[in-house]
Amino acid sequence: MLETRKIDDVIVVRLQHTNRLNSLITEPVKESLLELFNKPNVKLVFDLQDITFIDSSGFGVFLSALKAANNNNGQFKICHVNEDVMELFKLLQLHHVFEIYDELDACLASFS
């Protein structure tokens, strides 16, 4: 479900084999993210490259991950948000809640 890789001290996750983050897959994605944030000081980027749709349960996953990160001195950031998905972030006013970057490199550099 989630492809995970580490770049320096930052965990980068992406969805595999889908272009949608919806209620059909959100529970295992949420569980995986919360497990990653069980440790303190985790730095994590959710790379949304190729994701073209997110429903309310998908945004709930992001909010849960951000809360888990904050509770354990971690950091949660998002990159590669496509135009349509960004419109949803803006409609829900979540672009003020999350740190969102156009490119992975810029996102990774923001942790320094």
PDB file of N, CA and C in Angstrom:
ATOM      1  N   MET A   1       0.827  -1.200   0.000  1.00  0.00           N
ATOM      2  CA  MET A   1       0.000   0.000   0.000  1.00  0.00           C
ATOM      3  C   MET A   1       0.869   1.261   0.000  1.00  0.00           C
ATOM      4  N   LEU A   2       1.744   1.383   1.025  1.00  0.00           N
ATOM      5  CA  LEU A   2       2.652   2.521   1.096  1.00  0.00           C
ATOM      6  C   LEU A   2       4.060   2.088   0.738  1.00  0.00           C
ATOM      7  N   GLU A   3       4.666   2.819  -0.161  1.00  0.00           N
ATOM      8  CA  GLU A   3       6.080   2.627  -0.470  1.00  0.00           C
ATOM      9  C   GLU A   3       6.841   3.591   0.433  1.00  0.00           C
ATOM     10  N   THR A   4       7.804   3.068   1.162  1.00  0.00           N
ATOM     11  CA  THR A   4       8.557   3.883   2.109  1.00  0.00           C
ATOM     12  C   THR A   4      10.034   3.833   1.760  1.00  0.00           C
ATOM     13  N   ARG A   5      10.663   4.994   1.755  1.00  0.00           N
ATOM     14  CA  ARG A   5      12.117   5.046   1.573  1.00  0.00           C
ATOM     15  C   ARG A   5      12.668   6.137   2.478  1.00  0.00           C
ATOM     16  N   LYS A   6      13.945   6.040   2.748  1.00  0.00           N
ATOM     17  CA  LYS A   6      14.578   7.012   3.626  1.00  0.00           C
ATOM     18  C   LYS A   6      15.607   7.801   2.837  1.00  0.00           C
ATOM     19  N   ILE A   7      15.532   9.111   2.939  1.00  0.00           N
ATOM     20  CA  ILE A   7      16.509  10.001   2.324  1.00  0.00           C
ATOM     21  C   ILE A   7      17.136  10.791   3.470  1.00  0.00           C
ATOM     22  N   ASP A   8      18.399  10.527   3.732  1.00  0.00           N
ATOM     23  CA  ASP A   8      19.085  11.049   4.917  1.00  0.00           C
ATOM     24  C   ASP A   8      18.289  10.634   6.151  1.00  0.00           C
ATOM     25  N   ASP A   9      17.769  11.588   6.912  1.00  0.00           N
ATOM     26  CA  ASP A   9      17.006  11.227   8.109  1.00  0.00           C
ATOM     27  C   ASP A   9      15.507  11.478   7.932  1.00  0.00           C
ATOM     28  N   VAL A  10      15.060  11.562   6.678  1.00  0.00           N
ATOM     29  CA  VAL A  10      13.645  11.831   6.378  1.00  0.00           C
ATOM     30  C   VAL A  10      13.010  10.606   5.724  1.00  0.00           C
ATOM     31  N   ILE A  11      11.858  10.212   6.232  1.00  0.00           N
ATOM     32  CA  ILE A  11      11.093   9.116   5.626  1.00  0.00           C
ATOM     33  C   ILE A  11      10.184   9.707   4.560  1.00  0.00           C
ATOM     34  N   VAL A  12      10.229   9.155   3.355  1.00  0.00           N
ATOM     35  CA  VAL A  12       9.368   9.595   2.257  1.00  0.00           C
ATOM     36  C   VAL A  12       8.420   8.452   1.931  1.00  0.00           C
ATOM     37  N   VAL A  13       7.121   8.727   1.971  1.00  0.00           N
ATOM     38  CA  VAL A  13       6.128   7.703   1.662  1.00  0.00           C
ATOM     39  C   VAL A  13       5.313   8.116   0.444  1.00  0.00           C
ATOM     40  N   ARG A  14       4.906   7.111  -0.326  1.00  0.00           N
ATOM     41  CA  ARG A  14       4.048   7.292  -1.503  1.00  0.00           C
ATOM     42  C   ARG A  14       3.059   6.145  -1.546  1.00  0.00           C
ATOM     43  N   LEU A  15       1.916   6.397  -2.135  1.00  0.00           N
ATOM     44  CA  LEU A  15       0.953   5.329  -2.374  1.00  0.00           C
ATOM     45  C   LEU A  15       1.391   4.528  -3.584  1.00  0.00           C
ATOM     46  N   GLN A  16       1.217   3.214  -3.509  1.00  0.00           N
ATOM     47  CA  GLN A  16       1.551   2.349  -4.632  1.00  0.00           C
ATOM     48  C   GLN A  16       0.280   1.860  -5.306  1.00  0.00           C
ATOM     49  N   HIS A  17       0.324   1.716  -6.604  1.00  0.00           N
ATOM     50  CA  HIS A  17      -0.715   1.056  -7.394  1.00  0.00           C
ATOM     51  C   HIS A  17      -2.079   1.738  -7.323  1.00  0.00           C
ATOM     52  N   THR A  18      -2.102   3.040  -7.059  1.00  0.00           N
ATOM     53  CA  THR A  18      -3.367   3.768  -7.070  1.00  0.00           C
ATOM     54  C   THR A  18      -3.095   5.247  -7.294  1.00  0.00           C
ATOM     55  N   ASN A  19      -4.110   5.936  -7.807  1.00  0.00           N
ATOM     56  CA  ASN A  19      -4.011   7.390  -7.946  1.00  0.00           C
ATOM     57  C   ASN A  19      -5.048   8.078  -7.055  1.00  0.00           C
ATOM     58  N   ARG A  20      -5.635   7.318  -6.125  1.00  0.00           N
ATOM     59  CA  ARG A  20      -6.684   7.843  -5.259  1.00  0.00           C
ATOM     60  C   ARG A  20      -6.402   7.497  -3.794  1.00  0.00           C
ATOM     61  N   LEU A  21      -6.644   8.467  -2.928  1.00  0.00           N
ATOM     62  CA  LEU A  21      -6.609   8.218  -1.488  1.00  0.00           C
ATOM     63  C   LEU A  21      -8.047   8.396  -1.004  1.00  0.00           C
ATOM     64  N   ASN A  22      -8.749   7.266  -0.927  1.00  0.00           N
ATOM     65  CA  ASN A  22     -10.159   7.321  -0.543  1.00  0.00           C
ATOM     66  C   ASN A  22     -10.464   6.310   0.546  1.00  0.00           C
ATOM     67  N   SER A  23     -11.726   6.235   0.928  1.00  0.00           N
ATOM     68  CA  SER A  23     -12.134   5.409   2.072  1.00  0.00           C
ATOM     69  C   SER A  23     -11.821   3.926   1.899  1.00  0.00           C
ATOM     70  N   LEU A  24     -11.587   3.481   0.674  1.00  0.00           N
ATOM     71  CA  LEU A  24     -11.267   2.075   0.456  1.00  0.00           C
ATOM     72  C   LEU A  24      -9.885   1.699   0.996  1.00  0.00           C
ATOM     73  N   ILE A  25      -8.997   2.675   1.101  1.00  0.00           N
ATOM     74  CA  ILE A  25      -7.621   2.362   1.520  1.00  0.00           C
ATOM     75  C   ILE A  25      -7.132   3.182   2.712  1.00  0.00           C
ATOM     76  N   THR A  26      -7.938   4.097   3.207  1.00  0.00           N
ATOM     77  CA  THR A  26      -7.422   5.011   4.229  1.00  0.00           C
ATOM     78  C   THR A  26      -7.046   4.334   5.540  1.00  0.00           C
ATOM     79  N   GLU A  27      -7.765   3.308   5.959  1.00  0.00           N
ATOM     80  CA  GLU A  27      -7.460   2.704   7.266  1.00  0.00           C
ATOM     81  C   GLU A  27      -6.055   2.096   7.310  1.00  0.00           C
ATOM     82  N   PRO A  28      -5.671   1.260   6.339  1.00  0.00           N
ATOM     83  CA  PRO A  28      -4.293   0.741   6.394  1.00  0.00           C
ATOM     84  C   PRO A  28      -3.228   1.831   6.207  1.00  0.00           C
ATOM     85  N   VAL A  29      -3.531   2.846   5.415  1.00  0.00           N
ATOM     86  CA  VAL A  29      -2.577   3.946   5.236  1.00  0.00           C
ATOM     87  C   VAL A  29      -2.397   4.688   6.558  1.00  0.00           C
ATOM     88  N   LYS A  30      -3.498   4.982   7.214  1.00  0.00           N
ATOM     89  CA  LYS A  30      -3.449   5.671   8.505  1.00  0.00           C
ATOM     90  C   LYS A  30      -2.662   4.851   9.529  1.00  0.00           C
ATOM     91  N   GLU A  31      -2.938   3.558   9.612  1.00  0.00           N
ATOM     92  CA  GLU A  31      -2.230   2.691  10.561  1.00  0.00           C
ATOM     93  C   GLU A  31      -0.729   2.698  10.299  1.00  0.00           C
ATOM     94  N   SER A  32      -0.340   2.640   9.022  1.00  0.00           N
ATOM     95  CA  SER A  32       1.085   2.655   8.666  1.00  0.00           C
ATOM     96  C   SER A  32       1.747   3.964   9.082  1.00  0.00           C
ATOM     97  N   LEU A  33       1.064   5.077   8.834  1.00  0.00           N
ATOM     98  CA  LEU A  33       1.633   6.377   9.197  1.00  0.00           C
ATOM     99  C   LEU A  33       1.749   6.523  10.711  1.00  0.00           C
ATOM    100  N   LEU A  34       0.712   6.125  11.434  1.00  0.00           N
ATOM    101  CA  LEU A  34       0.749   6.252  12.890  1.00  0.00           C
ATOM    102  C   LEU A  34       1.847   5.378  13.489  1.00  0.00           C
ATOM    103  N   GLU A  35       2.073   4.213  12.880  1.00  0.00           N
ATOM    104  CA  GLU A  35       3.151   3.342  13.337  1.00  0.00           C
ATOM    105  C   GLU A  35       4.513   4.018  13.149  1.00  0.00           C
ATOM    106  N   LEU A  36       4.675   4.716  12.026  1.00  0.00           N
ATOM    107  CA  LEU A  36       5.935   5.419  11.779  1.00  0.00           C
ATOM    108  C   LEU A  36       6.161   6.526  12.800  1.00  0.00           C
ATOM    109  N   PHE A  37       5.071   7.167  13.242  1.00  0.00           N
ATOM    110  CA  PHE A  37       5.188   8.263  14.208  1.00  0.00           C
ATOM    111  C   PHE A  37       5.211   7.785  15.660  1.00  0.00           C
ATOM    112  N   ASN A  38       5.269   6.465  15.877  1.00  0.00           N
ATOM    113  CA  ASN A  38       5.402   5.943  17.241  1.00  0.00           C
ATOM    114  C   ASN A  38       6.721   6.347  17.876  1.00  0.00           C
ATOM    115  N   LYS A  39       7.734   6.545  17.057  1.00  0.00           N
ATOM    116  CA  LYS A  39       9.048   6.954  17.544  1.00  0.00           C
ATOM    117  C   LYS A  39       9.094   8.481  17.612  1.00  0.00           C
ATOM    118  N   PRO A  40       9.880   9.035  18.535  1.00  0.00           N
ATOM    119  CA  PRO A  40       9.993  10.496  18.612  1.00  0.00           C
ATOM    120  C   PRO A  40      10.854  11.063  17.484  1.00  0.00           C
ATOM    121  N   ASN A  41      10.600  12.318  17.176  1.00  0.00           N
ATOM    122  CA  ASN A  41      11.407  13.118  16.246  1.00  0.00           C
ATOM    123  C   ASN A  41      11.434  12.590  14.820  1.00  0.00           C
ATOM    124  N   VAL A  42      10.387  11.911  14.382  1.00  0.00           N
ATOM    125  CA  VAL A  42      10.320  11.398  13.018  1.00  0.00           C
ATOM    126  C   VAL A  42      10.040  12.556  12.054  1.00  0.00           C
ATOM    127  N   LYS A  43      10.782  12.562  10.957  1.00  0.00           N
ATOM    128  CA  LYS A  43      10.563  13.531   9.881  1.00  0.00           C
ATOM    129  C   LYS A  43       9.994  12.748   8.702  1.00  0.00           C
ATOM    130  N   LEU A  44       8.790  13.117   8.264  1.00  0.00           N
ATOM    131  CA  LEU A  44       8.126  12.342   7.225  1.00  0.00           C
ATOM    132  C   LEU A  44       7.524  13.245   6.161  1.00  0.00           C
ATOM    133  N   VAL A  45       7.703  12.853   4.914  1.00  0.00           N
ATOM    134  CA  VAL A  45       7.095  13.534   3.772  1.00  0.00           C
ATOM    135  C   VAL A  45       6.136  12.563   3.101  1.00  0.00           C
ATOM    136  N   PHE A  46       4.917  13.011   2.867  1.00  0.00           N
ATOM    137  CA  PHE A  46       3.969  12.226   2.071  1.00  0.00           C
ATOM    138  C   PHE A  46       4.015  12.802   0.663  1.00  0.00           C
ATOM    139  N   ASP A  47       4.547  12.026  -0.266  1.00  0.00           N
ATOM    140  CA  ASP A  47       4.699  12.433  -1.664  1.00  0.00           C
ATOM    141  C   ASP A  47       3.431  12.038  -2.413  1.00  0.00           C
ATOM    142  N   LEU A  48       2.683  13.035  -2.872  1.00  0.00           N
ATOM    143  CA  LEU A  48       1.402  12.785  -3.542  1.00  0.00           C
ATOM    144  C   LEU A  48       1.523  12.739  -5.064  1.00  0.00           C
ATOM    145  N   GLN A  49       2.723  12.538  -5.568  1.00  0.00           N
ATOM    146  CA  GLN A  49       2.894  12.451  -7.017  1.00  0.00           C
ATOM    147  C   GLN A  49       1.981  11.356  -7.566  1.00  0.00           C
ATOM    148  N   ASP A  50       1.286  11.648  -8.633  1.00  0.00           N
ATOM    149  CA  ASP A  50       0.350  10.746  -9.326  1.00  0.00           C
ATOM    150  C   ASP A  50      -0.996  10.591  -8.613  1.00  0.00           C
ATOM    151  N   ILE A  51      -1.202  11.240  -7.462  1.00  0.00           N
ATOM    152  CA  ILE A  51      -2.497  11.168  -6.789  1.00  0.00           C
ATOM    153  C   ILE A  51      -3.400  12.251  -7.370  1.00  0.00           C
ATOM    154  N   THR A  52      -4.541  11.819  -7.897  1.00  0.00           N
ATOM    155  CA  THR A  52      -5.446  12.760  -8.564  1.00  0.00           C
ATOM    156  C   THR A  52      -6.748  12.978  -7.804  1.00  0.00           C
ATOM    157  N   PHE A  53      -6.974  12.210  -6.726  1.00  0.00           N
ATOM    158  CA  PHE A  53      -8.216  12.360  -5.967  1.00  0.00           C
ATOM    159  C   PHE A  53      -7.981  11.989  -4.511  1.00  0.00           C
ATOM    160  N   ILE A  54      -8.502  12.818  -3.613  1.00  0.00           N
ATOM    161  CA  ILE A  54      -8.500  12.531  -2.176  1.00  0.00           C
ATOM    162  C   ILE A  54      -9.894  12.857  -1.655  1.00  0.00           C
ATOM    163  N   ASP A  55     -10.492  11.920  -0.918  1.00  0.00           N
ATOM    164  CA  ASP A  55     -11.801  12.208  -0.324  1.00  0.00           C
ATOM    165  C   ASP A  55     -11.620  12.632   1.134  1.00  0.00           C
ATOM    166  N   SER A  56     -12.735  12.851   1.817  1.00  0.00           N
ATOM    167  CA  SER A  56     -12.658  13.365   3.189  1.00  0.00           C
ATOM    168  C   SER A  56     -11.902  12.419   4.118  1.00  0.00           C
ATOM    169  N   SER A  57     -12.034  11.122   3.908  1.00  0.00           N
ATOM    170  CA  SER A  57     -11.306  10.187   4.772  1.00  0.00           C
ATOM    171  C   SER A  57      -9.800  10.289   4.526  1.00  0.00           C
ATOM    172  N   GLY A  58      -9.406  10.601   3.298  1.00  0.00           N
ATOM    173  CA  GLY A  58      -7.984  10.809   2.996  1.00  0.00           C
ATOM    174  C   GLY A  58      -7.431  12.026   3.711  1.00  0.00           C
ATOM    175  N   PHE A  59      -8.215  13.114   3.729  1.00  0.00           N
ATOM    176  CA  PHE A  59      -7.772  14.300   4.470  1.00  0.00           C
ATOM    177  C   PHE A  59      -7.727  14.007   5.961  1.00  0.00           C
ATOM    178  N   GLY A  60      -8.621  13.146   6.432  1.00  0.00           N
ATOM    179  CA  GLY A  60      -8.599  12.711   7.829  1.00  0.00           C
ATOM    180  C   GLY A  60      -7.308  11.987   8.175  1.00  0.00           C
ATOM    181  N   VAL A  61      -6.797  11.190   7.237  1.00  0.00           N
ATOM    182  CA  VAL A  61      -5.519  10.498   7.433  1.00  0.00           C
ATOM    183  C   VAL A  61      -4.403  11.520   7.638  1.00  0.00           C
ATOM    184  N   PHE A  62      -4.389  12.561   6.805  1.00  0.00           N
ATOM    185  CA  PHE A  62      -3.353  13.589   6.935  1.00  0.00           C
ATOM    186  C   PHE A  62      -3.438  14.290   8.287  1.00  0.00           C
ATOM    187  N   LEU A  63      -4.661  14.598   8.725  1.00  0.00           N
ATOM    188  CA  LEU A  63      -4.836  15.271  10.017  1.00  0.00           C
ATOM    189  C   LEU A  63      -4.389  14.368  11.168  1.00  0.00           C
ATOM    190  N   SER A  64      -4.707  13.084  11.082  1.00  0.00           N
ATOM    191  CA  SER A  64      -4.263  12.133  12.114  1.00  0.00           C
ATOM    192  C   SER A  64      -2.741  12.035  12.151  1.00  0.00           C
ATOM    193  N   ALA A  65      -2.118  12.002  10.977  1.00  0.00           N
ATOM    194  CA  ALA A  65      -0.662  11.922  10.902  1.00  0.00           C
ATOM    195  C   ALA A  65      -0.022  13.174  11.481  1.00  0.00           C
ATOM    196  N   LEU A  66      -0.583  14.333  11.163  1.00  0.00           N
ATOM    197  CA  LEU A  66      -0.041  15.587  11.687  1.00  0.00           C
ATOM    198  C   LEU A  66      -0.162  15.628  13.211  1.00  0.00           C
ATOM    199  N   LYS A  67      -1.291  15.186  13.741  1.00  0.00           N
ATOM    200  CA  LYS A  67      -1.487  15.162  15.188  1.00  0.00           C
ATOM    201  C   LYS A  67      -0.484  14.206  15.849  1.00  0.00           C
ATOM    202  N   ALA A  68      -0.310  13.024  15.258  1.00  0.00           N
ATOM    203  CA  ALA A  68       0.645  12.049  15.796  1.00  0.00           C
ATOM    204  C   ALA A  68       2.061  12.614  15.763  1.00  0.00           C
ATOM    205  N   ALA A  69       2.406  13.287  14.683  1.00  0.00           N
ATOM    206  CA  ALA A  69       3.739  13.895  14.568  1.00  0.00           C
ATOM    207  C   ALA A  69       3.928  14.943  15.660  1.00  0.00           C
ATOM    208  N   ASN A  70       2.957  15.821  15.804  1.00  0.00           N
ATOM    209  CA  ASN A  70       3.063  16.891  16.797  1.00  0.00           C
ATOM    210  C   ASN A  70       3.143  16.343  18.220  1.00  0.00           C
ATOM    211  N   ASN A  71       2.435  15.261  18.484  1.00  0.00           N
ATOM    212  CA  ASN A  71       2.432  14.672  19.827  1.00  0.00           C
ATOM    213  C   ASN A  71       3.752  13.991  20.177  1.00  0.00           C
ATOM    214  N   ASN A  72       4.578  13.716  19.158  1.00  0.00           N
ATOM    215  CA  ASN A  72       5.816  12.987  19.408  1.00  0.00           C
ATOM    216  C   ASN A  72       7.041  13.735  18.861  1.00  0.00           C
ATOM    217  N   ASN A  73       6.926  15.071  18.823  1.00  0.00           N
ATOM    218  CA  ASN A  73       8.025  15.929  18.354  1.00  0.00           C
ATOM    219  C   ASN A  73       8.477  15.594  16.942  1.00  0.00           C
ATOM    220  N   GLY A  74       7.565  15.110  16.115  1.00  0.00           N
ATOM    221  CA  GLY A  74       7.884  14.803  14.723  1.00  0.00           C
ATOM    222  C   GLY A  74       7.458  15.921  13.798  1.00  0.00           C
ATOM    223  N   GLN A  75       7.719  15.701  12.521  1.00  0.00           N
ATOM    224  CA  GLN A  75       7.318  16.663  11.490  1.00  0.00           C
ATOM    225  C   GLN A  75       6.672  15.906  10.338  1.00  0.00           C
ATOM    226  N   PHE A  76       5.563  16.453   9.823  1.00  0.00           N
ATOM    227  CA  PHE A  76       4.825  15.847   8.715  1.00  0.00           C
ATOM    228  C   PHE A  76       4.625  16.903   7.643  1.00  0.00           C
ATOM    229  N   LYS A  77       5.113  16.615   6.452  1.00  0.00           N
ATOM    230  CA  LYS A  77       4.987  17.559   5.331  1.00  0.00           C
ATOM    231  C   LYS A  77       4.488  16.818   4.107  1.00  0.00           C
ATOM    232  N   ILE A  78       3.996  17.573   3.137  1.00  0.00           N
ATOM    233  CA  ILE A  78       3.389  17.001   1.928  1.00  0.00           C
ATOM    234  C   ILE A  78       4.032  17.654   0.709  1.00  0.00           C
ATOM    235  N   CYS A  79       4.234  16.857  -0.354  1.00  0.00           N
ATOM    236  CA  CYS A  79       4.755  17.429  -1.601  1.00  0.00           C
ATOM    237  C   CYS A  79       4.071  16.817  -2.818  1.00  0.00           C
ATOM    238  N   HIS A  80       4.326  17.431  -3.967  1.00  0.00           N
ATOM    239  CA  HIS A  80       3.821  16.984  -5.275  1.00  0.00           C
ATOM    240  C   HIS A  80       2.291  16.907  -5.319  1.00  0.00           C
ATOM    241  N   VAL A  81       1.626  17.947  -4.846  1.00  0.00           N
ATOM    242  CA  VAL A  81       0.164  17.963  -4.850  1.00  0.00           C
ATOM    243  C   VAL A  81      -0.305  18.465  -6.212  1.00  0.00           C
ATOM    244  N   ASN A  82      -1.129  17.654  -6.888  1.00  0.00           N
ATOM    245  CA  ASN A  82      -1.593  18.085  -8.201  1.00  0.00           C
ATOM    246  C   ASN A  82      -2.627  19.211  -8.070  1.00  0.00           C
ATOM    247  N   GLU A  83      -2.893  19.881  -9.161  1.00  0.00           N
ATOM    248  CA  GLU A  83      -3.715  21.088  -9.164  1.00  0.00           C
ATOM    249  C   GLU A  83      -5.119  20.846  -8.601  1.00  0.00           C
ATOM    250  N   ASP A  84      -5.772  19.762  -9.026  1.00  0.00           N
ATOM    251  CA  ASP A  84      -7.131  19.481  -8.558  1.00  0.00           C
ATOM    252  C   ASP A  84      -7.154  19.165  -7.065  1.00  0.00           C
ATOM    253  N   VAL A  85      -6.193  18.399  -6.609  1.00  0.00           N
ATOM    254  CA  VAL A  85      -6.120  18.056  -5.184  1.00  0.00           C
ATOM    255  C   VAL A  85      -5.807  19.307  -4.365  1.00  0.00           C
ATOM    256  N   MET A  86      -4.948  20.183  -4.883  1.00  0.00           N
ATOM    257  CA  MET A  86      -4.635  21.428  -4.166  1.00  0.00           C
ATOM    258  C   MET A  86      -5.883  22.297  -4.017  1.00  0.00           C
ATOM    259  N   GLU A  87      -6.743  22.278  -5.018  1.00  0.00           N
ATOM    260  CA  GLU A  87      -8.008  23.021  -4.903  1.00  0.00           C
ATOM    261  C   GLU A  87      -8.820  22.529  -3.715  1.00  0.00           C
ATOM    262  N   LEU A  88      -8.802  21.212  -3.473  1.00  0.00           N
ATOM    263  CA  LEU A  88      -9.508  20.667  -2.309  1.00  0.00           C
ATOM    264  C   LEU A  88      -8.844  21.107  -1.010  1.00  0.00           C
ATOM    265  N   PHE A  89      -7.503  21.076  -0.958  1.00  0.00           N
ATOM    266  CA  PHE A  89      -6.806  21.575   0.223  1.00  0.00           C
ATOM    267  C   PHE A  89      -7.227  23.013   0.523  1.00  0.00           C
ATOM    268  N   LYS A  90      -7.300  23.831  -0.538  1.00  0.00           N
ATOM    269  CA  LYS A  90      -7.668  25.238  -0.365  1.00  0.00           C
ATOM    270  C   LYS A  90      -9.130  25.390   0.035  1.00  0.00           C
ATOM    271  N   LEU A  91      -9.996  24.628  -0.583  1.00  0.00           N
ATOM    272  CA  LEU A  91     -11.422  24.687  -0.258  1.00  0.00           C
ATOM    273  C   LEU A  91     -11.663  24.359   1.217  1.00  0.00           C
ATOM    274  N   LEU A  92     -10.902  23.396   1.723  1.00  0.00           N
ATOM    275  CA  LEU A  92     -11.031  22.978   3.117  1.00  0.00           C
ATOM    276  C   LEU A  92     -10.151  23.816   4.062  1.00  0.00           C
ATOM    277  N   GLN A  93      -9.438  24.792   3.508  1.00  0.00           N
ATOM    278  CA  GLN A  93      -8.528  25.654   4.266  1.00  0.00           C
ATOM    279  C   GLN A  93      -7.372  24.868   4.900  1.00  0.00           C
ATOM    280  N   LEU A  94      -7.069  23.702   4.351  1.00  0.00           N
ATOM    281  CA  LEU A  94      -6.003  22.867   4.910  1.00  0.00           C
ATOM    282  C   LEU A  94      -4.622  23.260   4.401  1.00  0.00           C
ATOM    283  N   HIS A  95      -4.571  24.105   3.374  1.00  0.00           N
ATOM    284  CA  HIS A  95      -3.262  24.568   2.903  1.00  0.00           C
ATOM    285  C   HIS A  95      -2.600  25.483   3.938  1.00  0.00           C
ATOM    286  N   HIS A  96      -3.395  25.952   4.931  1.00  0.00           N
ATOM    287  CA  HIS A  96      -2.837  26.735   6.039  1.00  0.00           C
ATOM    288  C   HIS A  96      -2.384  25.830   7.189  1.00  0.00           C
ATOM    289  N   VAL A  97      -2.852  24.587   7.193  1.00  0.00           N
ATOM    290  CA  VAL A  97      -2.575  23.644   8.280  1.00  0.00           C
ATOM    291  C   VAL A  97      -1.304  22.843   8.007  1.00  0.00           C
ATOM    292  N   PHE A  98      -1.134  22.432   6.757  1.00  0.00           N
ATOM    293  CA  PHE A  98      -0.008  21.577   6.378  1.00  0.00           C
ATOM    294  C   PHE A  98       1.070  22.371   5.671  1.00  0.00           C
ATOM    295  N   GLU A  99       2.310  21.901   5.818  1.00  0.00           N
ATOM    296  CA  GLU A  99       3.409  22.432   5.018  1.00  0.00           C
ATOM    297  C   GLU A  99       3.395  21.653   3.706  1.00  0.00           C
ATOM    298  N   ILE A 100       3.123  22.362   2.610  1.00  0.00           N
ATOM    299  CA  ILE A 100       2.994  21.730   1.296  1.00  0.00           C
ATOM    300  C   ILE A 100       4.032  22.329   0.359  1.00  0.00           C
ATOM    301  N   TYR A 101       4.743  21.445  -0.336  1.00  0.00           N
ATOM    302  CA  TYR A 101       5.807  21.856  -1.257  1.00  0.00           C
ATOM    303  C   TYR A 101       5.530  21.295  -2.644  1.00  0.00           C
ATOM    304  N   ASP A 102       5.946  22.057  -3.660  1.00  0.00           N
ATOM    305  CA  ASP A 102       5.767  21.600  -5.038  1.00  0.00           C
ATOM    306  C   ASP A 102       6.669  20.414  -5.355  1.00  0.00           C
ATOM    307  N   GLU A 103       7.900  20.463  -4.874  1.00  0.00           N
ATOM    308  CA  GLU A 103       8.899  19.464  -5.224  1.00  0.00           C
ATOM    309  C   GLU A 103       9.439  18.766  -3.981  1.00  0.00           C
ATOM    310  N   LEU A 104       9.828  17.525  -4.141  1.00  0.00           N
ATOM    311  CA  LEU A 104      10.390  16.753  -3.041  1.00  0.00           C
ATOM    312  C   LEU A 104      11.678  17.378  -2.530  1.00  0.00           C
ATOM    313  N   ASP A 105      12.547  17.827  -3.431  1.00  0.00           N
ATOM    314  CA  ASP A 105      13.833  18.401  -3.013  1.00  0.00           C
ATOM    315  C   ASP A 105      13.629  19.616  -2.099  1.00  0.00           C
ATOM    316  N   ALA A 106      12.695  20.474  -2.456  1.00  0.00           N
ATOM    317  CA  ALA A 106      12.405  21.655  -1.619  1.00  0.00           C
ATOM    318  C   ALA A 106      11.852  21.236  -0.268  1.00  0.00           C
ATOM    319  N   CYS A 107      11.030  20.221  -0.280  1.00  0.00           N
ATOM    320  CA  CYS A 107      10.450  19.709   0.955  1.00  0.00           C
ATOM    321  C   CYS A 107      11.546  19.144   1.860  1.00  0.00           C
ATOM    322  N   LEU A 108      12.428  18.345   1.290  1.00  0.00           N
ATOM    323  CA  LEU A 108      13.531  17.768   2.063  1.00  0.00           C
ATOM    324  C   LEU A 108      14.437  18.867   2.612  1.00  0.00           C
ATOM    325  N   ALA A 109      14.708  19.885   1.816  1.00  0.00           N
ATOM    326  CA  ALA A 109      15.574  20.980   2.244  1.00  0.00           C
ATOM    327  C   ALA A 109      14.956  21.767   3.404  1.00  0.00           C
ATOM    328  N   SER A 110      13.635  21.769   3.494  1.00  0.00           N
ATOM    329  CA  SER A 110      12.950  22.529   4.550  1.00  0.00           C
ATOM    330  C   SER A 110      13.184  21.953   5.933  1.00  0.00           C
ATOM    331  N   PHE A 111      13.639  20.714   6.020  1.00  0.00           N
ATOM    332  CA  PHE A 111      13.901  20.099   7.319  1.00  0.00           C
ATOM    333  C   PHE A 111      15.222  20.571   7.930  1.00  0.00           C
ATOM    334  N   SER A 112      16.099  21.131   7.105  1.00  0.00           N
ATOM    335  CA  SER A 112      17.435  21.544   7.596  1.00  0.00           C
ATOM    336  C   SER A 112      17.347  22.715   8.549  1.00  0.00           C
TER     337      SER A 112
END
